[in-house]
Amino acid sequence: MSSFSLQALHWTTDGELIPCDRLVLLNTLIRESLPDVQLELIRVVEELALAERRVTPQVNS
């Protein structure tokens, strides 16, 4: 994880990684994992993207 080791992670007040850092971490893990693990991590990224879409407020112009 050399590309990730120098980056500081940001946490929410409830102890979770902020969504942006969660994606950075998952993308790093995907690149460096075994193929079977990569598939599971990709599924997690997809679920995270769907969850973010549900909680993101819509702005009407």
C-alpha atoms as a PDB file:
ATOM      1  CA  MET A   1       0.000   0.000   0.000  1.00  0.00           C
ATOM      2  CA  SER A   2       2.807   2.397  -0.720  1.00  0.00           C
ATOM      3  CA  SER A   3       0.568   4.841  -2.599  1.00  0.00           C
ATOM      4  CA  PHE A   4      -1.777   5.086   0.377  1.00  0.00           C
ATOM      5  CA  SER A   5       0.642   5.091   3.294  1.00  0.00           C
ATOM      6  CA  LEU A   6       1.398   8.825   3.211  1.00  0.00           C
ATOM      7  CA  GLN A   7      -2.222   9.962   3.102  1.00  0.00           C
ATOM      8  CA  ALA A   8      -4.058  10.995   6.259  1.00  0.00           C
ATOM      9  CA  LEU A   9      -7.566   9.635   6.720  1.00  0.00           C
ATOM     10  CA  HIS A  10     -10.476  11.816   7.763  1.00  0.00           C
ATOM     11  CA  TRP A  11     -13.163  10.537  10.103  1.00  0.00           C
ATOM     12  CA  THR A  12     -16.729  11.602  10.804  1.00  0.00           C
ATOM     13  CA  THR A  13     -17.883  12.385  14.332  1.00  0.00           C
ATOM     14  CA  ASP A  14     -19.467   8.921  14.571  1.00  0.00           C
ATOM     15  CA  GLY A  15     -16.142   7.202  13.831  1.00  0.00           C
ATOM     16  CA  GLU A  16     -16.627   6.342  10.161  1.00  0.00           C
ATOM     17  CA  LEU A  17     -14.275   7.205   7.317  1.00  0.00           C
ATOM     18  CA  ILE A  18     -15.563  10.058   5.195  1.00  0.00           C
ATOM     19  CA  PRO A  19     -16.951   8.732   1.885  1.00  0.00           C
ATOM     20  CA  CYS A  20     -14.084  10.114  -0.191  1.00  0.00           C
ATOM     21  CA  ASP A  21     -11.453   8.409   1.980  1.00  0.00           C
ATOM     22  CA  ARG A  22     -13.492   5.210   2.011  1.00  0.00           C
ATOM     23  CA  LEU A  23     -13.340   5.131  -1.786  1.00  0.00           C
ATOM     24  CA  VAL A  24      -9.601   5.884  -1.789  1.00  0.00           C
ATOM     25  CA  LEU A  25      -8.991   3.045   0.663  1.00  0.00           C
ATOM     26  CA  LEU A  26     -11.160   0.582  -1.246  1.00  0.00           C
ATOM     27  CA  ASN A  27      -9.571   1.484  -4.599  1.00  0.00           C
ATOM     28  CA  THR A  28      -6.111   0.957  -3.117  1.00  0.00           C
ATOM     29  CA  LEU A  29      -7.141  -2.378  -1.635  1.00  0.00           C
ATOM     30  CA  ILE A  30      -8.676  -3.468  -4.951  1.00  0.00           C
ATOM     31  CA  ARG A  31      -5.420  -2.863  -6.828  1.00  0.00           C
ATOM     32  CA  GLU A  32      -3.363  -4.816  -4.304  1.00  0.00           C
ATOM     33  CA  SER A  33      -5.711  -7.732  -3.536  1.00  0.00           C
ATOM     34  CA  LEU A  34      -6.118 -11.227  -4.901  1.00  0.00           C
ATOM     35  CA  PRO A  35      -8.724 -11.613  -7.676  1.00  0.00           C
ATOM     36  CA  ASP A  36     -11.327 -13.229  -5.393  1.00  0.00           C
ATOM     37  CA  VAL A  37     -10.962 -10.429  -2.873  1.00  0.00           C
ATOM     38  CA  GLN A  38     -11.078  -7.818  -5.641  1.00  0.00           C
ATOM     39  CA  LEU A  39     -14.556  -8.970  -6.641  1.00  0.00           C
ATOM     40  CA  GLU A  40     -15.844  -8.542  -3.086  1.00  0.00           C
ATOM     41  CA  LEU A  41     -14.240  -5.100  -2.754  1.00  0.00           C
ATOM     42  CA  ILE A  42     -15.763  -4.008  -6.068  1.00  0.00           C
ATOM     43  CA  ARG A  43     -19.178  -5.071  -4.729  1.00  0.00           C
ATOM     44  CA  VAL A  44     -18.576  -2.920  -1.629  1.00  0.00           C
ATOM     45  CA  VAL A  45     -17.649   0.088  -3.798  1.00  0.00           C
ATOM     46  CA  GLU A  46     -20.844  -0.366  -5.817  1.00  0.00           C
ATOM     47  CA  GLU A  47     -22.964  -0.552  -2.648  1.00  0.00           C
ATOM     48  CA  LEU A  48     -21.223   2.530  -1.272  1.00  0.00           C
ATOM     49  CA  ALA A  49     -21.987   4.443  -4.456  1.00  0.00           C
ATOM     50  CA  LEU A  50     -25.664   3.474  -4.261  1.00  0.00           C
ATOM     51  CA  ALA A  51     -25.867   4.448  -0.590  1.00  0.00           C
ATOM     52  CA  GLU A  52     -24.273   7.827  -1.292  1.00  0.00           C
ATOM     53  CA  ARG A  53     -26.762   8.478  -4.072  1.00  0.00           C
ATOM     54  CA  ARG A  54     -29.673   7.805  -1.685  1.00  0.00           C
ATOM     55  CA  VAL A  55     -28.449  10.206   0.991  1.00  0.00           C
ATOM     56  CA  THR A  56     -27.169  12.982  -1.281  1.00  0.00           C
ATOM     57  CA  PRO A  57     -29.613  15.902  -1.268  1.00  0.00           C
ATOM     58  CA  GLN A  58     -30.987  16.962  -4.618  1.00  0.00           C
ATOM     59  CA  VAL A  59     -30.723  20.620  -5.526  1.00  0.00           C
ATOM     60  CA  ASN A  60     -33.377  22.071  -7.795  1.00  0.00           C
ATOM     61  CA  SER A  61     -32.534  25.096  -9.884  1.00  0.00           C
END
